[in-house]
Amino acid sequence: DRNILEIACGTGRFSVMLAEQGADVVGLDISAAML
């Protein structure tokens, strides 16, 4: 239930993990290819 921003999230290693654990996550990155 934590509201989390990951900057420079890249391929989403941490963003996906945190959302799997129940967090509400925004993953932000400058690279469209990484996203």
PDB file of all heavy atoms in Angstrom:
ATOM      1  N   ASP A   1       0.797  -1.231   0.000  1.00  0.00           N
ATOM      2  CA  ASP A   1       0.000   0.000   0.000  1.00  0.00           C
ATOM      3  C   ASP A   1       0.830   1.282   0.000  1.00  0.00           C
ATOM      4  O   ASP A   1       0.267   2.380   0.071  1.00  0.00           O
ATOM      5  CB  ASP A   1      -0.965   0.037   1.196  1.00  0.00           C
ATOM      6  CG  ASP A   1      -2.004  -1.066   1.123  1.00  0.00           C
ATOM      7  OD1 ASP A   1      -2.398  -1.440   0.004  1.00  0.00           O
ATOM      8  OD2 ASP A   1      -2.412  -1.572   2.190  1.00  0.00           O
ATOM      9  N   ARG A   2       2.144   1.179  -0.103  1.00  0.00           N
ATOM     10  CA  ARG A   2       2.950   2.398  -0.195  1.00  0.00           C
ATOM     11  C   ARG A   2       2.880   2.948  -1.618  1.00  0.00           C
ATOM     12  O   ARG A   2       2.769   2.210  -2.593  1.00  0.00           O
ATOM     13  CB  ARG A   2       4.397   2.137   0.201  1.00  0.00           C
ATOM     14  CG  ARG A   2       4.576   1.859   1.680  1.00  0.00           C
ATOM     15  CD  ARG A   2       6.028   1.879   2.105  1.00  0.00           C
ATOM     16  NE  ARG A   2       6.616   3.200   2.088  1.00  0.00           N
ATOM     17  CZ  ARG A   2       6.437   4.128   3.029  1.00  0.00           C
ATOM     18  NH1 ARG A   2       5.658   3.881   4.060  1.00  0.00           N
ATOM     19  NH2 ARG A   2       7.026   5.288   2.934  1.00  0.00           N
ATOM     20  N   ASN A   3       2.958   4.259  -1.702  1.00  0.00           N
ATOM     21  CA  ASN A   3       2.933   4.973  -2.971  1.00  0.00           C
ATOM     22  C   ASN A   3       4.376   5.309  -3.330  1.00  0.00           C
ATOM     23  O   ASN A   3       5.014   6.140  -2.660  1.00  0.00           O
ATOM     24  CB  ASN A   3       2.091   6.238  -2.829  1.00  0.00           C
ATOM     25  CG  ASN A   3       1.847   6.933  -4.144  1.00  0.00           C
ATOM     26  OD1 ASN A   3       2.015   6.338  -5.216  1.00  0.00           O
ATOM     27  ND2 ASN A   3       1.470   8.198  -4.093  1.00  0.00           N
ATOM     28  N   ILE A   4       4.916   4.664  -4.358  1.00  0.00           N
ATOM     29  CA  ILE A   4       6.357   4.695  -4.620  1.00  0.00           C
ATOM     30  C   ILE A   4       6.643   5.182  -6.038  1.00  0.00           C
ATOM     31  O   ILE A   4       5.982   4.771  -6.997  1.00  0.00           O
ATOM     32  CB  ILE A   4       6.983   3.300  -4.428  1.00  0.00           C
ATOM     33  CG1 ILE A   4       6.782   2.819  -2.984  1.00  0.00           C
ATOM     34  CG2 ILE A   4       8.465   3.302  -4.779  1.00  0.00           C
ATOM     35  CD1 ILE A   4       7.219   1.374  -2.740  1.00  0.00           C
ATOM     36  N   LEU A   5       7.631   6.048  -6.155  1.00  0.00           N
ATOM     37  CA  LEU A   5       8.170   6.452  -7.448  1.00  0.00           C
ATOM     38  C   LEU A   5       9.574   5.886  -7.592  1.00  0.00           C
ATOM     39  O   LEU A   5      10.402   6.048  -6.694  1.00  0.00           O
ATOM     40  CB  LEU A   5       8.247   7.978  -7.537  1.00  0.00           C
ATOM     41  CG  LEU A   5       9.052   8.554  -8.715  1.00  0.00           C
ATOM     42  CD1 LEU A   5       8.369   8.240 -10.052  1.00  0.00           C
ATOM     43  CD2 LEU A   5       9.261  10.058  -8.557  1.00  0.00           C
ATOM     44  N   GLU A   6       9.816   5.208  -8.706  1.00  0.00           N
ATOM     45  CA  GLU A   6      11.187   4.832  -9.031  1.00  0.00           C
ATOM     46  C   GLU A   6      11.633   5.663 -10.230  1.00  0.00           C
ATOM     47  O   GLU A   6      11.046   5.581 -11.306  1.00  0.00           O
ATOM     48  CB  GLU A   6      11.325   3.350  -9.375  1.00  0.00           C
ATOM     49  CG  GLU A   6      12.803   3.003  -9.603  1.00  0.00           C
ATOM     50  CD  GLU A   6      13.054   1.642 -10.197  1.00  0.00           C
ATOM     51  OE1 GLU A   6      12.097   0.891 -10.485  1.00  0.00           O
ATOM     52  OE2 GLU A   6      14.257   1.336 -10.394  1.00  0.00           O
ATOM     53  N   ILE A   7      12.669   6.462 -10.035  1.00  0.00           N
ATOM     54  CA  ILE A   7      13.208   7.223 -11.151  1.00  0.00           C
ATOM     55  C   ILE A   7      14.335   6.424 -11.800  1.00  0.00           C
ATOM     56  O   ILE A   7      14.977   5.599 -11.149  1.00  0.00           O
ATOM     57  CB  ILE A   7      13.698   8.620 -10.716  1.00  0.00           C
ATOM     58  CG1 ILE A   7      14.934   8.533  -9.820  1.00  0.00           C
ATOM     59  CG2 ILE A   7      12.598   9.386 -10.010  1.00  0.00           C
ATOM     60  CD1 ILE A   7      15.605   9.877  -9.606  1.00  0.00           C
ATOM     61  N   ALA A   8      14.533   6.665 -13.094  1.00  0.00           N
ATOM     62  CA  ALA A   8      15.505   5.894 -13.869  1.00  0.00           C
ATOM     63  C   ALA A   8      15.225   4.405 -13.675  1.00  0.00           C
ATOM     64  O   ALA A   8      16.125   3.615 -13.382  1.00  0.00           O
ATOM     65  CB  ALA A   8      16.922   6.249 -13.487  1.00  0.00           C
ATOM     66  N   CYS A   9      13.981   4.020 -13.872  1.00  0.00           N
ATOM     67  CA  CYS A   9      13.554   2.652 -13.559  1.00  0.00           C
ATOM     68  C   CYS A   9      14.067   1.630 -14.562  1.00  0.00           C
ATOM     69  O   CYS A   9      14.014   0.427 -14.304  1.00  0.00           O
ATOM     70  CB  CYS A   9      12.037   2.580 -13.475  1.00  0.00           C
ATOM     71  SG  CYS A   9      11.183   2.840 -15.055  1.00  0.00           S
ATOM     72  N   GLY A  10      14.560   2.083 -15.717  1.00  0.00           N
ATOM     73  CA  GLY A  10      15.110   1.160 -16.694  1.00  0.00           C
ATOM     74  C   GLY A  10      14.100   0.117 -17.136  1.00  0.00           C
ATOM     75  O   GLY A  10      12.967   0.436 -17.513  1.00  0.00           O
ATOM     76  N   THR A  11      14.482  -1.141 -17.048  1.00  0.00           N
ATOM     77  CA  THR A  11      13.612  -2.242 -17.474  1.00  0.00           C
ATOM     78  C   THR A  11      12.626  -2.679 -16.393  1.00  0.00           C
ATOM     79  O   THR A  11      11.971  -3.704 -16.532  1.00  0.00           O
ATOM     80  CB  THR A  11      14.456  -3.455 -17.894  1.00  0.00           C
ATOM     81  OG1 THR A  11      15.216  -3.913 -16.764  1.00  0.00           O
ATOM     82  CG2 THR A  11      15.402  -3.100 -19.033  1.00  0.00           C
ATOM     83  N   GLY A  12      12.531  -1.912 -15.324  1.00  0.00           N
ATOM     84  CA  GLY A  12      11.501  -2.150 -14.321  1.00  0.00           C
ATOM     85  C   GLY A  12      11.805  -3.221 -13.300  1.00  0.00           C
ATOM     86  O   GLY A  12      10.883  -3.752 -12.678  1.00  0.00           O
ATOM     87  N   ARG A  13      13.084  -3.540 -13.087  1.00  0.00           N
ATOM     88  CA  ARG A  13      13.409  -4.595 -12.123  1.00  0.00           C
ATOM     89  C   ARG A  13      12.793  -4.310 -10.762  1.00  0.00           C
ATOM     90  O   ARG A  13      12.187  -5.192 -10.138  1.00  0.00           O
ATOM     91  CB  ARG A  13      14.926  -4.718 -11.950  1.00  0.00           C
ATOM     92  CG  ARG A  13      15.650  -5.349 -13.088  1.00  0.00           C
ATOM     93  CD  ARG A  13      17.083  -5.680 -12.684  1.00  0.00           C
ATOM     94  NE  ARG A  13      17.825  -4.509 -12.263  1.00  0.00           N
ATOM     95  CZ  ARG A  13      18.564  -4.432 -11.151  1.00  0.00           C
ATOM     96  NH1 ARG A  13      18.639  -5.450 -10.328  1.00  0.00           N
ATOM     97  NH2 ARG A  13      19.228  -3.332 -10.865  1.00  0.00           N
ATOM     98  N   PHE A  14      12.977  -3.103 -10.262  1.00  0.00           N
ATOM     99  CA  PHE A  14      12.490  -2.758  -8.924  1.00  0.00           C
ATOM    100  C   PHE A  14      11.015  -2.365  -8.947  1.00  0.00           C
ATOM    101  O   PHE A  14      10.268  -2.707  -8.031  1.00  0.00           O
ATOM    102  CB  PHE A  14      13.338  -1.633  -8.339  1.00  0.00           C
ATOM    103  CG  PHE A  14      14.792  -1.962  -8.244  1.00  0.00           C
ATOM    104  CD1 PHE A  14      15.692  -1.443  -9.157  1.00  0.00           C
ATOM    105  CD2 PHE A  14      15.267  -2.807  -7.266  1.00  0.00           C
ATOM    106  CE1 PHE A  14      17.038  -1.759  -9.088  1.00  0.00           C
ATOM    107  CE2 PHE A  14      16.608  -3.141  -7.184  1.00  0.00           C
ATOM    108  CZ  PHE A  14      17.498  -2.610  -8.103  1.00  0.00           C
ATOM    109  N   SER A  15      10.590  -1.649  -9.977  1.00  0.00           N
ATOM    110  CA  SER A  15       9.186  -1.241 -10.066  1.00  0.00           C
ATOM    111  C   SER A  15       8.258  -2.454 -10.078  1.00  0.00           C
ATOM    112  O   SER A  15       7.254  -2.486  -9.354  1.00  0.00           O
ATOM    113  CB  SER A  15       8.965  -0.407 -11.331  1.00  0.00           C
ATOM    114  OG  SER A  15       9.653   0.819 -11.277  1.00  0.00           O
ATOM    115  N   VAL A  16       8.585  -3.442 -10.890  1.00  0.00           N
ATOM    116  CA  VAL A  16       7.754  -4.645 -10.959  1.00  0.00           C
ATOM    117  C   VAL A  16       7.782  -5.394  -9.630  1.00  0.00           C
ATOM    118  O   VAL A  16       6.741  -5.834  -9.127  1.00  0.00           O
ATOM    119  CB  VAL A  16       8.227  -5.556 -12.110  1.00  0.00           C
ATOM    120  CG1 VAL A  16       7.512  -6.901 -12.066  1.00  0.00           C
ATOM    121  CG2 VAL A  16       7.986  -4.881 -13.463  1.00  0.00           C
ATOM    122  N   MET A  17       8.960  -5.533  -9.047  1.00  0.00           N
ATOM    123  CA  MET A  17       9.078  -6.224  -7.760  1.00  0.00           C
ATOM    124  C   MET A  17       8.220  -5.562  -6.691  1.00  0.00           C
ATOM    125  O   MET A  17       7.499  -6.235  -5.937  1.00  0.00           O
ATOM    126  CB  MET A  17      10.538  -6.233  -7.314  1.00  0.00           C
ATOM    127  CG  MET A  17      10.745  -6.821  -5.921  1.00  0.00           C
ATOM    128  SD  MET A  17      12.404  -6.512  -5.254  1.00  0.00           S
ATOM    129  CE  MET A  17      12.335  -4.734  -4.946  1.00  0.00           C
ATOM    130  N   LEU A  18       8.262  -4.236  -6.612  1.00  0.00           N
ATOM    131  CA  LEU A  18       7.520  -3.518  -5.577  1.00  0.00           C
ATOM    132  C   LEU A  18       6.015  -3.624  -5.807  1.00  0.00           C
ATOM    133  O   LEU A  18       5.244  -3.752  -4.853  1.00  0.00           O
ATOM    134  CB  LEU A  18       7.968  -2.058  -5.541  1.00  0.00           C
ATOM    135  CG  LEU A  18       9.412  -1.840  -5.059  1.00  0.00           C
ATOM    136  CD1 LEU A  18       9.858  -0.412  -5.335  1.00  0.00           C
ATOM    137  CD2 LEU A  18       9.543  -2.167  -3.574  1.00  0.00           C
ATOM    138  N   ALA A  19       5.592  -3.573  -7.076  1.00  0.00           N
ATOM    139  CA  ALA A  19       4.167  -3.735  -7.376  1.00  0.00           C
ATOM    140  C   ALA A  19       3.703  -5.162  -7.076  1.00  0.00           C
ATOM    141  O   ALA A  19       2.570  -5.373  -6.636  1.00  0.00           O
ATOM    142  CB  ALA A  19       3.903  -3.381  -8.832  1.00  0.00           C
ATOM    143  N   GLU A  20       4.571  -6.134  -7.286  1.00  0.00           N
ATOM    144  CA  GLU A  20       4.246  -7.518  -6.916  1.00  0.00           C
ATOM    145  C   GLU A  20       3.998  -7.633  -5.419  1.00  0.00           C
ATOM    146  O   GLU A  20       3.178  -8.435  -4.962  1.00  0.00           O
ATOM    147  CB  GLU A  20       5.379  -8.457  -7.306  1.00  0.00           C
ATOM    148  CG  GLU A  20       5.484  -8.790  -8.771  1.00  0.00           C
ATOM    149  CD  GLU A  20       6.594  -9.783  -9.031  1.00  0.00           C
ATOM    150  OE1 GLU A  20       7.776  -9.397  -8.991  1.00  0.00           O
ATOM    151  OE2 GLU A  20       6.273 -10.968  -9.273  1.00  0.00           O
ATOM    152  N   GLN A  21       4.725  -6.823  -4.626  1.00  0.00           N
ATOM    153  CA  GLN A  21       4.634  -6.870  -3.170  1.00  0.00           C
ATOM    154  C   GLN A  21       3.468  -6.038  -2.628  1.00  0.00           C
ATOM    155  O   GLN A  21       3.272  -5.969  -1.420  1.00  0.00           O
ATOM    156  CB  GLN A  21       5.940  -6.353  -2.559  1.00  0.00           C
ATOM    157  CG  GLN A  21       7.163  -7.181  -2.891  1.00  0.00           C
ATOM    158  CD  GLN A  21       7.255  -8.438  -2.073  1.00  0.00           C
ATOM    159  OE1 GLN A  21       6.709  -8.504  -0.971  1.00  0.00           O
ATOM    160  NE2 GLN A  21       7.923  -9.453  -2.591  1.00  0.00           N
ATOM    161  N   GLY A  22       2.712  -5.376  -3.532  1.00  0.00           N
ATOM    162  CA  GLY A  22       1.524  -4.663  -3.081  1.00  0.00           C
ATOM    163  C   GLY A  22       1.632  -3.159  -3.061  1.00  0.00           C
ATOM    164  O   GLY A  22       0.698  -2.477  -2.603  1.00  0.00           O
ATOM    165  N   ALA A  23       2.724  -2.595  -3.536  1.00  0.00           N
ATOM    166  CA  ALA A  23       2.862  -1.147  -3.596  1.00  0.00           C
ATOM    167  C   ALA A  23       2.194  -0.589  -4.846  1.00  0.00           C
ATOM    168  O   ALA A  23       2.023  -1.291  -5.844  1.00  0.00           O
ATOM    169  CB  ALA A  23       4.337  -0.755  -3.580  1.00  0.00           C
ATOM    170  N   ASP A  24       1.822   0.684  -4.787  1.00  0.00           N
ATOM    171  CA  ASP A  24       1.356   1.408  -5.964  1.00  0.00           C
ATOM    172  C   ASP A  24       2.553   2.174  -6.511  1.00  0.00           C
ATOM    173  O   ASP A  24       3.068   3.087  -5.859  1.00  0.00           O
ATOM    174  CB  ASP A  24       0.219   2.359  -5.605  1.00  0.00           C
ATOM    175  CG  ASP A  24      -1.022   1.613  -5.119  1.00  0.00           C
ATOM    176  OD1 ASP A  24      -1.333   0.558  -5.682  1.00  0.00           O
ATOM    177  OD2 ASP A  24      -1.657   2.094  -4.166  1.00  0.00           O
ATOM    178  N   VAL A  25       3.004   1.811  -7.699  1.00  0.00           N
ATOM    179  CA  VAL A  25       4.310   2.230  -8.198  1.00  0.00           C
ATOM    180  C   VAL A  25       4.187   2.982  -9.516  1.00  0.00           C
ATOM    181  O   VAL A  25       3.408   2.602 -10.397  1.00  0.00           O
ATOM    182  CB  VAL A  25       5.234   1.009  -8.414  1.00  0.00           C
ATOM    183  CG1 VAL A  25       6.630   1.454  -8.839  1.00  0.00           C
ATOM    184  CG2 VAL A  25       5.308   0.160  -7.141  1.00  0.00           C
ATOM    185  N   VAL A  26       4.978   4.044  -9.619  1.00  0.00           N
ATOM    186  CA  VAL A  26       5.207   4.708 -10.894  1.00  0.00           C
ATOM    187  C   VAL A  26       6.682   4.531 -11.222  1.00  0.00           C
ATOM    188  O   VAL A  26       7.545   4.894 -10.418  1.00  0.00           O
ATOM    189  CB  VAL A  26       4.855   6.206 -10.855  1.00  0.00           C
ATOM    190  CG1 VAL A  26       5.260   6.880 -12.178  1.00  0.00           C
ATOM    191  CG2 VAL A  26       3.370   6.398 -10.598  1.00  0.00           C
ATOM    192  N   GLY A  27       6.968   3.949 -12.377  1.00  0.00           N
ATOM    193  CA  GLY A  27       8.338   3.823 -12.848  1.00  0.00           C
ATOM    194  C   GLY A  27       8.584   4.856 -13.931  1.00  0.00           C
ATOM    195  O   GLY A  27       7.888   4.860 -14.953  1.00  0.00           O
ATOM    196  N   LEU A  28       9.538   5.735 -13.721  1.00  0.00           N
ATOM    197  CA  LEU A  28       9.819   6.820 -14.666  1.00  0.00           C
ATOM    198  C   LEU A  28      11.212   6.663 -15.238  1.00  0.00           C
ATOM    199  O   LEU A  28      12.164   6.392 -14.508  1.00  0.00           O
ATOM    200  CB  LEU A  28       9.679   8.170 -13.965  1.00  0.00           C
ATOM    201  CG  LEU A  28       9.910   9.418 -14.817  1.00  0.00           C
ATOM    202  CD1 LEU A  28       8.885  10.499 -14.494  1.00  0.00           C
ATOM    203  CD2 LEU A  28      11.320   9.967 -14.621  1.00  0.00           C
ATOM    204  N   ASP A  29      11.325   6.838 -16.552  1.00  0.00           N
ATOM    205  CA  ASP A  29      12.622   6.732 -17.206  1.00  0.00           C
ATOM    206  C   ASP A  29      12.613   7.599 -18.455  1.00  0.00           C
ATOM    207  O   ASP A  29      11.560   7.853 -19.044  1.00  0.00           O
ATOM    208  CB  ASP A  29      12.920   5.275 -17.584  1.00  0.00           C
ATOM    209  CG  ASP A  29      14.403   5.020 -17.789  1.00  0.00           C
ATOM    210  OD1 ASP A  29      14.930   5.376 -18.855  1.00  0.00           O
ATOM    211  OD2 ASP A  29      15.046   4.475 -16.861  1.00  0.00           O
ATOM    212  N   ILE A  30      13.798   8.040 -18.870  1.00  0.00           N
ATOM    213  CA  ILE A  30      13.913   8.863 -20.065  1.00  0.00           C
ATOM    214  C   ILE A  30      13.910   8.037 -21.335  1.00  0.00           C
ATOM    215  O   ILE A  30      13.704   8.557 -22.433  1.00  0.00           O
ATOM    216  CB  ILE A  30      15.187   9.735 -19.974  1.00  0.00           C
ATOM    217  CG1 ILE A  30      15.086  10.912 -20.948  1.00  0.00           C
ATOM    218  CG2 ILE A  30      16.433   8.891 -20.237  1.00  0.00           C
ATOM    219  CD1 ILE A  30      16.157  11.972 -20.741  1.00  0.00           C
ATOM    220  N   SER A  31      14.131   6.730 -21.208  1.00  0.00           N
ATOM    221  CA  SER A  31      14.267   5.849 -22.362  1.00  0.00           C
ATOM    222  C   SER A  31      12.968   5.116 -22.658  1.00  0.00           C
ATOM    223  O   SER A  31      12.517   4.273 -21.869  1.00  0.00           O
ATOM    224  CB  SER A  31      15.386   4.828 -22.125  1.00  0.00           C
ATOM    225  OG  SER A  31      15.368   3.836 -23.124  1.00  0.00           O
ATOM    226  N   ALA A  32      12.376   5.397 -23.816  1.00  0.00           N
ATOM    227  CA  ALA A  32      11.168   4.690 -24.225  1.00  0.00           C
ATOM    228  C   ALA A  32      11.445   3.203 -24.433  1.00  0.00           C
ATOM    229  O   ALA A  32      10.599   2.354 -24.141  1.00  0.00           O
ATOM    230  CB  ALA A  32      10.615   5.313 -25.504  1.00  0.00           C
ATOM    231  N   ALA A  33      12.644   2.892 -24.913  1.00  0.00           N
ATOM    232  CA  ALA A  33      13.002   1.488 -25.152  1.00  0.00           C
ATOM    233  C   ALA A  33      13.091   0.706 -23.845  1.00  0.00           C
ATOM    234  O   ALA A  33      12.635  -0.443 -23.766  1.00  0.00           O
ATOM    235  CB  ALA A  33      14.329   1.414 -25.904  1.00  0.00           C
ATOM    236  N   MET A  34      13.666   1.305 -22.814  1.00  0.00           N
ATOM    237  CA  MET A  34      13.735   0.647 -21.515  1.00  0.00           C
ATOM    238  C   MET A  34      12.341   0.450 -20.929  1.00  0.00           C
ATOM    239  O   MET A  34      12.019  -0.607 -20.376  1.00  0.00           O
ATOM    240  CB  MET A  34      14.606   1.467 -20.557  1.00  0.00           C
ATOM    241  CG  MET A  34      16.076   1.465 -20.886  1.00  0.00           C
ATOM    242  SD  MET A  34      16.851  -0.114 -20.459  1.00  0.00           S
ATOM    243  CE  MET A  34      18.585   0.288 -20.782  1.00  0.00           C
ATOM    244  N   LEU A  35      11.509   1.458 -21.041  1.00  0.00           N
ATOM    245  CA  LEU A  35      10.151   1.356 -20.508  1.00  0.00           C
ATOM    246  C   LEU A  35       9.358   0.254 -21.192  1.00  0.00           C
ATOM    247  O   LEU A  35       8.552  -0.432 -20.555  1.00  0.00           O
ATOM    248  CB  LEU A  35       9.436   2.703 -20.665  1.00  0.00           C
ATOM    249  CG  LEU A  35       9.975   3.855 -19.813  1.00  0.00           C
ATOM    250  CD1 LEU A  35       9.309   5.161 -20.209  1.00  0.00           C
ATOM    251  CD2 LEU A  35       9.780   3.586 -18.330  1.00  0.00           C
TER     252      LEU A  35
END
